[in-house]
């Protein structure tokens, strides 16, 4: 019964999150359009063999800087260090990125980015690549290393599945301004 309530809560939270982000005003052809650029993204994540998915949104702050928020989920598997309970596979975080497209004079359909990230599970560094193949749609891929735990229960030795792990993600982006 409790698992059903938790599952319904996360389904509703994801629906509200996605609905709030899906207000496209105009399309952009750039992989990163600078100030005011907005993207939603989603895809596959892997943290040292533990597989899951993520959804998120990115907003451009200037030609070189953006901030992203995301929710990721790693379904429970036998690769987890211990039993974390129903919510331990979820992570909510933010990432601040520096974009290289403007600095390196890359083609408008290509962007590279890197920056620090912090989430409920950990804090670390990440870097990625984004390629747009149409006005709105594109691919992304990034890698990250979680360096320190944030809200992780270390006293009993039970760490989240994100704890000090290397992770990567690949997925699809949708651009709107």
C-alpha atoms as a PDB file:
ATOM      1  CA  UNK A   1       0.000   0.000   0.000  1.00  0.00           C
ATOM      2  CA  UNK A   2       2.784   2.425   0.901  1.00  0.00           C
ATOM      3  CA  UNK A   3       4.650   1.566  -2.314  1.00  0.00           C
ATOM      4  CA  UNK A   4       1.536   2.411  -4.352  1.00  0.00           C
ATOM      5  CA  UNK A   5       1.259   5.810  -2.643  1.00  0.00           C
ATOM      6  CA  UNK A   6       4.921   6.555  -3.293  1.00  0.00           C
ATOM      7  CA  UNK A   7       4.646   5.414  -6.917  1.00  0.00           C
ATOM      8  CA  UNK A   8       1.574   7.586  -7.471  1.00  0.00           C
ATOM      9  CA  UNK A   9       3.322  10.564  -5.859  1.00  0.00           C
ATOM     10  CA  UNK A  10       6.313  10.271  -8.222  1.00  0.00           C
ATOM     11  CA  UNK A  11       4.071   9.745 -11.249  1.00  0.00           C
ATOM     12  CA  UNK A  12       2.142  12.905 -10.404  1.00  0.00           C
ATOM     13  CA  UNK A  13       5.346  14.834  -9.694  1.00  0.00           C
ATOM     14  CA  UNK A  14       6.794  13.795 -13.054  1.00  0.00           C
ATOM     15  CA  UNK A  15       3.574  14.764 -14.844  1.00  0.00           C
ATOM     16  CA  UNK A  16       3.503  18.215 -13.200  1.00  0.00           C
ATOM     17  CA  UNK A  17       7.218  18.690 -13.949  1.00  0.00           C
ATOM     18  CA  UNK A  18       6.814  17.727 -17.610  1.00  0.00           C
ATOM     19  CA  UNK A  19       3.658  19.804 -18.038  1.00  0.00           C
ATOM     20  CA  UNK A  20       5.314  22.914 -16.620  1.00  0.00           C
ATOM     21  CA  UNK A  21       8.164  22.578 -19.112  1.00  0.00           C
ATOM     22  CA  UNK A  22       6.110  21.933 -22.245  1.00  0.00           C
ATOM     23  CA  UNK A  23       5.171  25.478 -23.213  1.00  0.00           C
ATOM     24  CA  UNK A  24       7.033  25.976 -26.497  1.00  0.00           C
ATOM     25  CA  UNK A  25       6.930  29.512 -27.813  1.00  0.00           C
ATOM     26  CA  UNK A  26       9.319  29.341 -30.766  1.00  0.00           C
ATOM     27  CA  UNK A  27      11.846  26.870 -32.119  1.00  0.00           C
ATOM     28  CA  UNK A  28      15.624  27.314 -32.284  1.00  0.00           C
ATOM     29  CA  UNK A  29      18.171  25.541 -34.479  1.00  0.00           C
ATOM     30  CA  UNK A  30      21.164  25.908 -32.181  1.00  0.00           C
ATOM     31  CA  UNK A  31      22.423  23.181 -29.892  1.00  0.00           C
ATOM     32  CA  UNK A  32      22.790  26.015 -27.356  1.00  0.00           C
ATOM     33  CA  UNK A  33      21.078  29.327 -28.094  1.00  0.00           C
ATOM     34  CA  UNK A  34      22.441  31.402 -25.206  1.00  0.00           C
ATOM     35  CA  UNK A  35      20.413  33.676 -22.957  1.00  0.00           C
ATOM     36  CA  UNK A  36      16.825  32.467 -22.648  1.00  0.00           C
ATOM     37  CA  UNK A  37      17.425  29.130 -24.393  1.00  0.00           C
ATOM     38  CA  UNK A  38      15.225  26.411 -22.883  1.00  0.00           C
ATOM     39  CA  UNK A  39      15.437  22.676 -23.430  1.00  0.00           C
ATOM     40  CA  UNK A  40      13.832  19.623 -21.948  1.00  0.00           C
ATOM     41  CA  UNK A  41      15.681  16.360 -22.112  1.00  0.00           C
ATOM     42  CA  UNK A  42      15.303  12.753 -21.163  1.00  0.00           C
ATOM     43  CA  UNK A  43      17.157   9.542 -21.588  1.00  0.00           C
ATOM     44  CA  UNK A  44      19.085   6.581 -20.295  1.00  0.00           C
ATOM     45  CA  UNK A  45      21.511   6.834 -17.332  1.00  0.00           C
ATOM     46  CA  UNK A  46      24.072   4.351 -16.049  1.00  0.00           C
ATOM     47  CA  UNK A  47      26.001   4.616 -12.787  1.00  0.00           C
ATOM     48  CA  UNK A  48      28.658   1.896 -12.858  1.00  0.00           C
ATOM     49  CA  UNK A  49      26.250  -0.754 -14.118  1.00  0.00           C
ATOM     50  CA  UNK A  50      23.099   0.467 -12.360  1.00  0.00           C
ATOM     51  CA  UNK A  51      20.757   1.567 -15.153  1.00  0.00           C
ATOM     52  CA  UNK A  52      17.845   3.988 -15.094  1.00  0.00           C
ATOM     53  CA  UNK A  53      16.416   7.097 -16.699  1.00  0.00           C
ATOM     54  CA  UNK A  54      16.290  10.862 -16.233  1.00  0.00           C
ATOM     55  CA  UNK A  55      14.215  13.864 -17.254  1.00  0.00           C
ATOM     56  CA  UNK A  56      15.243  17.470 -16.890  1.00  0.00           C
ATOM     57  CA  UNK A  57      15.220  21.005 -18.200  1.00  0.00           C
ATOM     58  CA  UNK A  58      17.954  23.504 -19.052  1.00  0.00           C
ATOM     59  CA  UNK A  59      17.738  27.297 -19.194  1.00  0.00           C
ATOM     60  CA  UNK A  60      20.359  29.561 -20.749  1.00  0.00           C
ATOM     61  CA  UNK A  61      21.552  32.384 -18.512  1.00  0.00           C
ATOM     62  CA  UNK A  62      23.919  33.984 -21.062  1.00  0.00           C
ATOM     63  CA  UNK A  63      25.926  33.017 -24.169  1.00  0.00           C
ATOM     64  CA  UNK A  64      28.284  30.954 -22.009  1.00  0.00           C
ATOM     65  CA  UNK A  65      26.295  29.830 -18.926  1.00  0.00           C
ATOM     66  CA  UNK A  66      23.201  27.750 -18.192  1.00  0.00           C
ATOM     67  CA  UNK A  67      21.520  26.002 -15.288  1.00  0.00           C
ATOM     68  CA  UNK A  68      19.756  22.646 -15.436  1.00  0.00           C
ATOM     69  CA  UNK A  69      17.454  20.780 -13.083  1.00  0.00           C
ATOM     70  CA  UNK A  70      16.752  17.086 -13.339  1.00  0.00           C
ATOM     71  CA  UNK A  71      15.158  14.045 -11.761  1.00  0.00           C
ATOM     72  CA  UNK A  72      16.803  10.669 -12.227  1.00  0.00           C
ATOM     73  CA  UNK A  73      15.635   7.230 -11.175  1.00  0.00           C
ATOM     74  CA  UNK A  74      17.580   4.023 -10.781  1.00  0.00           C
ATOM     75  CA  UNK A  75      15.287   1.012 -10.295  1.00  0.00           C
ATOM     76  CA  UNK A  76      16.349  -1.281  -7.469  1.00  0.00           C
ATOM     77  CA  UNK A  77      18.630  -4.110  -8.574  1.00  0.00           C
ATOM     78  CA  UNK A  78      20.931  -6.612  -6.912  1.00  0.00           C
ATOM     79  CA  UNK A  79      23.856  -4.259  -7.718  1.00  0.00           C
ATOM     80  CA  UNK A  80      22.828  -1.831  -4.971  1.00  0.00           C
ATOM     81  CA  UNK A  81      25.029  -1.951  -1.873  1.00  0.00           C
ATOM     82  CA  UNK A  82      22.060  -2.424   0.457  1.00  0.00           C
ATOM     83  CA  UNK A  83      18.312  -1.910   0.828  1.00  0.00           C
ATOM     84  CA  UNK A  84      17.624   1.825   0.467  1.00  0.00           C
ATOM     85  CA  UNK A  85      13.871   1.901   0.689  1.00  0.00           C
ATOM     86  CA  UNK A  86      11.433   3.050  -1.966  1.00  0.00           C
ATOM     87  CA  UNK A  87      12.843   6.554  -2.598  1.00  0.00           C
ATOM     88  CA  UNK A  88      16.600   5.940  -2.477  1.00  0.00           C
ATOM     89  CA  UNK A  89      16.881   5.342  -6.226  1.00  0.00           C
ATOM     90  CA  UNK A  90      15.513   8.812  -7.011  1.00  0.00           C
ATOM     91  CA  UNK A  91      17.676  11.895  -7.216  1.00  0.00           C
ATOM     92  CA  UNK A  92      16.771  15.546  -7.728  1.00  0.00           C
ATOM     93  CA  UNK A  93      19.528  17.965  -8.630  1.00  0.00           C
ATOM     94  CA  UNK A  94      20.841  21.006 -10.455  1.00  0.00           C
ATOM     95  CA  UNK A  95      23.857  21.616 -12.667  1.00  0.00           C
ATOM     96  CA  UNK A  96      25.585  24.869 -13.620  1.00  0.00           C
ATOM     97  CA  UNK A  97      27.311  24.630 -17.011  1.00  0.00           C
ATOM     98  CA  UNK A  98      29.816  26.613 -19.033  1.00  0.00           C
ATOM     99  CA  UNK A  99      29.153  26.197 -22.784  1.00  0.00           C
ATOM    100  CA  UNK A 100      31.959  26.003 -25.310  1.00  0.00           C
ATOM    101  CA  UNK A 101      30.026  26.678 -28.528  1.00  0.00           C
ATOM    102  CA  UNK A 102      30.510  30.458 -28.394  1.00  0.00           C
ATOM    103  CA  UNK A 103      34.051  30.354 -26.973  1.00  0.00           C
ATOM    104  CA  UNK A 104      35.309  27.730 -29.448  1.00  0.00           C
ATOM    105  CA  UNK A 105      33.328  29.043 -32.442  1.00  0.00           C
ATOM    106  CA  UNK A 106      31.612  25.686 -32.982  1.00  0.00           C
ATOM    107  CA  UNK A 107      28.880  25.185 -35.580  1.00  0.00           C
ATOM    108  CA  UNK A 108      25.430  26.200 -34.279  1.00  0.00           C
ATOM    109  CA  UNK A 109      24.187  22.588 -34.234  1.00  0.00           C
ATOM    110  CA  UNK A 110      26.994  21.494 -31.846  1.00  0.00           C
ATOM    111  CA  UNK A 111      27.684  22.367 -28.194  1.00  0.00           C
ATOM    112  CA  UNK A 112      30.023  21.107 -25.510  1.00  0.00           C
ATOM    113  CA  UNK A 113      29.487  21.959 -21.858  1.00  0.00           C
ATOM    114  CA  UNK A 114      30.942  21.248 -18.421  1.00  0.00           C
ATOM    115  CA  UNK A 115      30.300  22.258 -14.850  1.00  0.00           C
ATOM    116  CA  UNK A 116      29.557  21.367 -11.246  1.00  0.00           C
ATOM    117  CA  UNK A 117      26.391  19.553 -10.158  1.00  0.00           C
ATOM    118  CA  UNK A 118      24.719  19.125  -6.815  1.00  0.00           C
ATOM    119  CA  UNK A 119      21.812  16.883  -5.915  1.00  0.00           C
ATOM    120  CA  UNK A 120      20.235  15.318  -2.871  1.00  0.00           C
ATOM    121  CA  UNK A 121      22.477  12.255  -3.299  1.00  0.00           C
ATOM    122  CA  UNK A 122      25.840  13.765  -4.243  1.00  0.00           C
ATOM    123  CA  UNK A 123      27.904  16.594  -5.652  1.00  0.00           C
ATOM    124  CA  UNK A 124      30.405  16.343  -8.469  1.00  0.00           C
ATOM    125  CA  UNK A 125      31.502  17.439 -11.916  1.00  0.00           C
ATOM    126  CA  UNK A 126      30.061  16.696 -15.348  1.00  0.00           C
ATOM    127  CA  UNK A 127      30.746  17.341 -19.034  1.00  0.00           C
ATOM    128  CA  UNK A 128      28.682  16.735 -22.131  1.00  0.00           C
ATOM    129  CA  UNK A 129      27.962  17.133 -25.811  1.00  0.00           C
ATOM    130  CA  UNK A 130      24.726  18.233 -27.472  1.00  0.00           C
ATOM    131  CA  UNK A 131      23.927  17.874 -31.203  1.00  0.00           C
ATOM    132  CA  UNK A 132      20.738  19.238 -32.810  1.00  0.00           C
ATOM    133  CA  UNK A 133      19.542  17.394 -35.911  1.00  0.00           C
ATOM    134  CA  UNK A 134      16.457  19.585 -36.555  1.00  0.00           C
ATOM    135  CA  UNK A 135      14.969  22.895 -35.429  1.00  0.00           C
ATOM    136  CA  UNK A 136      13.715  21.451 -32.131  1.00  0.00           C
ATOM    137  CA  UNK A 137      15.179  17.974 -31.663  1.00  0.00           C
ATOM    138  CA  UNK A 138      18.655  16.788 -30.783  1.00  0.00           C
ATOM    139  CA  UNK A 139      20.805  14.240 -28.976  1.00  0.00           C
ATOM    140  CA  UNK A 140      22.834  14.686 -25.824  1.00  0.00           C
ATOM    141  CA  UNK A 141      25.419  12.688 -23.989  1.00  0.00           C
ATOM    142  CA  UNK A 142      27.313  13.485 -20.811  1.00  0.00           C
ATOM    143  CA  UNK A 143      29.516  11.948 -18.192  1.00  0.00           C
ATOM    144  CA  UNK A 144      29.777  12.838 -14.517  1.00  0.00           C
ATOM    145  CA  UNK A 145      31.753  11.853 -11.461  1.00  0.00           C
ATOM    146  CA  UNK A 146      30.017  12.118  -8.115  1.00  0.00           C
ATOM    147  CA  UNK A 147      32.708  13.192  -5.677  1.00  0.00           C
ATOM    148  CA  UNK A 148      31.023  13.682  -2.298  1.00  0.00           C
ATOM    149  CA  UNK A 149      27.717  12.671  -0.700  1.00  0.00           C
ATOM    150  CA  UNK A 150      25.219  15.400   0.187  1.00  0.00           C
ATOM    151  CA  UNK A 151      22.223  13.948   2.052  1.00  0.00           C
ATOM    152  CA  UNK A 152      23.515  10.388   2.255  1.00  0.00           C
ATOM    153  CA  UNK A 153      23.139   8.313   5.413  1.00  0.00           C
ATOM    154  CA  UNK A 154      26.761   7.366   6.038  1.00  0.00           C
ATOM    155  CA  UNK A 155      26.398   6.382   9.690  1.00  0.00           C
ATOM    156  CA  UNK A 156      25.021   2.933   8.965  1.00  0.00           C
ATOM    157  CA  UNK A 157      27.101   2.287   5.824  1.00  0.00           C
ATOM    158  CA  UNK A 158      24.053   2.343   3.548  1.00  0.00           C
ATOM    159  CA  UNK A 159      24.845   4.644   0.657  1.00  0.00           C
ATOM    160  CA  UNK A 160      22.636   5.701  -2.234  1.00  0.00           C
ATOM    161  CA  UNK A 161      23.276   4.077  -5.637  1.00  0.00           C
ATOM    162  CA  UNK A 162      24.774   7.420  -6.798  1.00  0.00           C
ATOM    163  CA  UNK A 163      27.382   7.490  -4.010  1.00  0.00           C
ATOM    164  CA  UNK A 164      30.879   8.296  -5.393  1.00  0.00           C
ATOM    165  CA  UNK A 165      30.047   6.726  -8.734  1.00  0.00           C
ATOM    166  CA  UNK A 166      30.944   7.559 -12.319  1.00  0.00           C
ATOM    167  CA  UNK A 167      27.851   7.939 -14.490  1.00  0.00           C
ATOM    168  CA  UNK A 168      26.907   8.683 -18.042  1.00  0.00           C
ATOM    169  CA  UNK A 169      23.688   9.527 -19.870  1.00  0.00           C
ATOM    170  CA  UNK A 170      22.447   9.612 -23.442  1.00  0.00           C
ATOM    171  CA  UNK A 171      19.119  10.880 -24.642  1.00  0.00           C
ATOM    172  CA  UNK A 172      17.003  13.280 -26.649  1.00  0.00           C
ATOM    173  CA  UNK A 173      16.527  17.043 -26.240  1.00  0.00           C
ATOM    174  CA  UNK A 174      13.669  19.310 -27.286  1.00  0.00           C
ATOM    175  CA  UNK A 175      14.357  23.030 -27.702  1.00  0.00           C
ATOM    176  CA  UNK A 176      11.899  25.858 -27.145  1.00  0.00           C
ATOM    177  CA  UNK A 177      12.305  29.544 -26.288  1.00  0.00           C
END
